[in-house]
Amino acid sequence: MTRQAAPQPLDTPLTRRSVLGALAALPAAFHAPTRADDTGPLKIAQSTALSGPLGELGQAMHQGAKAGFAAINAKGGVNGRLIELTVADDGYDVKRAGPCEGFY
């Protein structure tokens, strides 16, 4: 039969702060990272005034976004995923902008 060594005292005393810190870090130790669906295109939604009093500004913003995303897509997208832009015209009107939230 072999003898087990007697437990050695801790070099540093256990404090409330060290115990709470260890308990706070515990969930991170068991956290399994989750990933979004990274197989399809990146979908970006835009609600802007394509008509109404600021229609010209909204159309310019939309055309700029389309041009920027087209340039990125021409280079292979983001990490191999193309960008897909979906737009909803809110007409710079609050009543029309409300239904746009379900559009995405």
Protein backbone atom coordinates (compact mmCIF):
# COMPACT_ATOMS: atom_id res chain seq x y z
CA MET A 1 0.00 0.00 0.00
CA THR A 2 1.32 3.45 -0.92
CA ARG A 3 0.96 6.46 1.25
CA GLN A 4 -0.66 9.56 -0.15
CA ALA A 5 0.99 12.85 0.54
CA ALA A 6 -0.78 15.15 2.93
CA PRO A 7 -2.56 18.06 1.20
CA GLN A 8 -0.44 21.17 1.11
CA PRO A 9 -1.88 24.48 2.30
CA LEU A 10 -2.66 27.07 -0.36
CA ASP A 11 0.04 29.63 -1.09
CA THR A 12 -2.58 32.37 -1.19
CA PRO A 13 -5.65 32.48 0.98
CA LEU A 14 -9.07 32.11 -0.59
CA THR A 15 -10.82 35.43 -0.59
CA ARG A 16 -14.38 36.27 -1.40
CA ARG A 17 -13.14 38.19 -4.45
CA SER A 18 -11.18 35.24 -5.88
CA VAL A 19 -14.08 32.83 -5.34
CA LEU A 20 -16.59 35.21 -6.95
CA GLY A 21 -14.19 35.81 -9.85
CA ALA A 22 -13.85 32.08 -10.44
CA LEU A 23 -17.62 31.62 -10.30
CA ALA A 24 -18.15 34.49 -12.72
CA ALA A 25 -15.71 32.94 -15.21
CA LEU A 26 -17.24 29.47 -14.96
CA PRO A 27 -19.99 29.93 -17.61
CA ALA A 28 -17.38 31.07 -20.14
CA ALA A 29 -15.47 27.84 -19.64
CA PHE A 30 -18.47 25.78 -20.76
CA HIS A 31 -19.74 28.14 -23.44
CA ALA A 32 -19.92 26.51 -26.85
CA PRO A 33 -19.71 29.18 -29.52
CA THR A 34 -22.73 29.30 -31.79
CA ARG A 35 -22.46 30.33 -35.39
CA ALA A 36 -25.01 31.83 -37.68
CA ASP A 37 -25.88 30.17 -40.95
CA ASP A 38 -22.75 30.92 -42.94
CA THR A 39 -23.64 29.08 -46.12
CA GLY A 40 -25.92 31.53 -47.92
CA PRO A 41 -25.66 35.17 -48.87
CA LEU A 42 -25.37 37.96 -46.32
CA LYS A 43 -28.79 39.58 -46.25
CA ILE A 44 -28.95 43.30 -45.55
CA ALA A 45 -32.25 45.19 -45.40
CA GLN A 46 -32.70 48.89 -46.06
CA SER A 47 -35.76 50.98 -45.34
CA THR A 48 -35.46 54.32 -47.06
CA ALA A 49 -37.52 57.01 -48.74
CA LEU A 50 -37.45 56.09 -52.42
CA SER A 51 -40.47 58.33 -52.96
CA GLY A 52 -41.94 61.30 -51.14
CA PRO A 53 -40.25 64.57 -50.16
CA LEU A 54 -36.79 62.96 -49.75
CA GLY A 55 -37.15 60.47 -52.58
CA GLU A 56 -34.13 61.77 -54.50
CA LEU A 57 -31.88 61.44 -51.44
CA GLY A 58 -33.22 57.96 -50.67
CA GLN A 59 -32.69 56.82 -54.26
CA ALA A 60 -29.12 58.15 -54.19
CA MET A 61 -28.46 56.29 -50.93
CA HIS A 62 -29.94 53.10 -52.38
CA GLN A 63 -27.91 53.39 -55.59
CA GLY A 64 -24.76 53.99 -53.54
CA ALA A 65 -25.42 50.93 -51.39
CA LYS A 66 -26.09 48.81 -54.50
CA ALA A 67 -22.86 50.03 -56.15
CA GLY A 68 -20.83 49.37 -53.01
CA PHE A 69 -22.24 45.88 -52.55
CA ALA A 70 -21.79 45.11 -56.27
CA ALA A 71 -18.10 46.04 -55.98
CA ILE A 72 -17.69 43.79 -52.94
CA ASN A 73 -19.57 40.95 -54.63
CA ALA A 74 -17.39 41.29 -57.74
CA LYS A 75 -14.36 40.59 -55.54
CA GLY A 76 -15.92 37.44 -54.10
CA GLY A 77 -18.08 38.93 -51.35
CA VAL A 78 -17.32 38.80 -47.65
CA ASN A 79 -15.44 35.62 -46.77
CA GLY A 80 -16.87 34.07 -49.92
CA ARG A 81 -20.45 35.09 -49.20
CA LEU A 82 -22.24 37.50 -51.52
CA ILE A 83 -24.22 40.44 -50.15
CA GLU A 84 -27.93 40.55 -50.92
CA LEU A 85 -29.67 43.92 -50.46
CA THR A 86 -33.40 44.10 -49.86
CA VAL A 87 -35.06 47.53 -49.89
CA ALA A 88 -38.41 48.82 -48.69
CA ASP A 89 -39.76 52.24 -49.65
CA ASP A 90 -41.11 54.05 -46.61
CA GLY A 91 -41.75 57.27 -48.54
CA TYR A 92 -40.47 59.30 -45.58
CA ASP A 93 -43.80 58.60 -43.90
CA VAL A 94 -44.09 57.06 -40.44
CA LYS A 95 -47.30 55.20 -41.34
CA ARG A 96 -45.58 53.55 -44.29
CA ALA A 97 -42.42 52.77 -42.35
CA GLY A 98 -44.24 50.66 -39.74
CA PRO A 99 -45.12 47.79 -42.10
CA CYS A 100 -41.53 47.75 -43.35
CA GLU A 101 -40.33 46.15 -40.11
CA GLY A 102 -42.11 42.90 -40.94
CA PHE A 103 -40.58 42.98 -44.40
CA TYR A 104 -37.20 41.91 -43.06
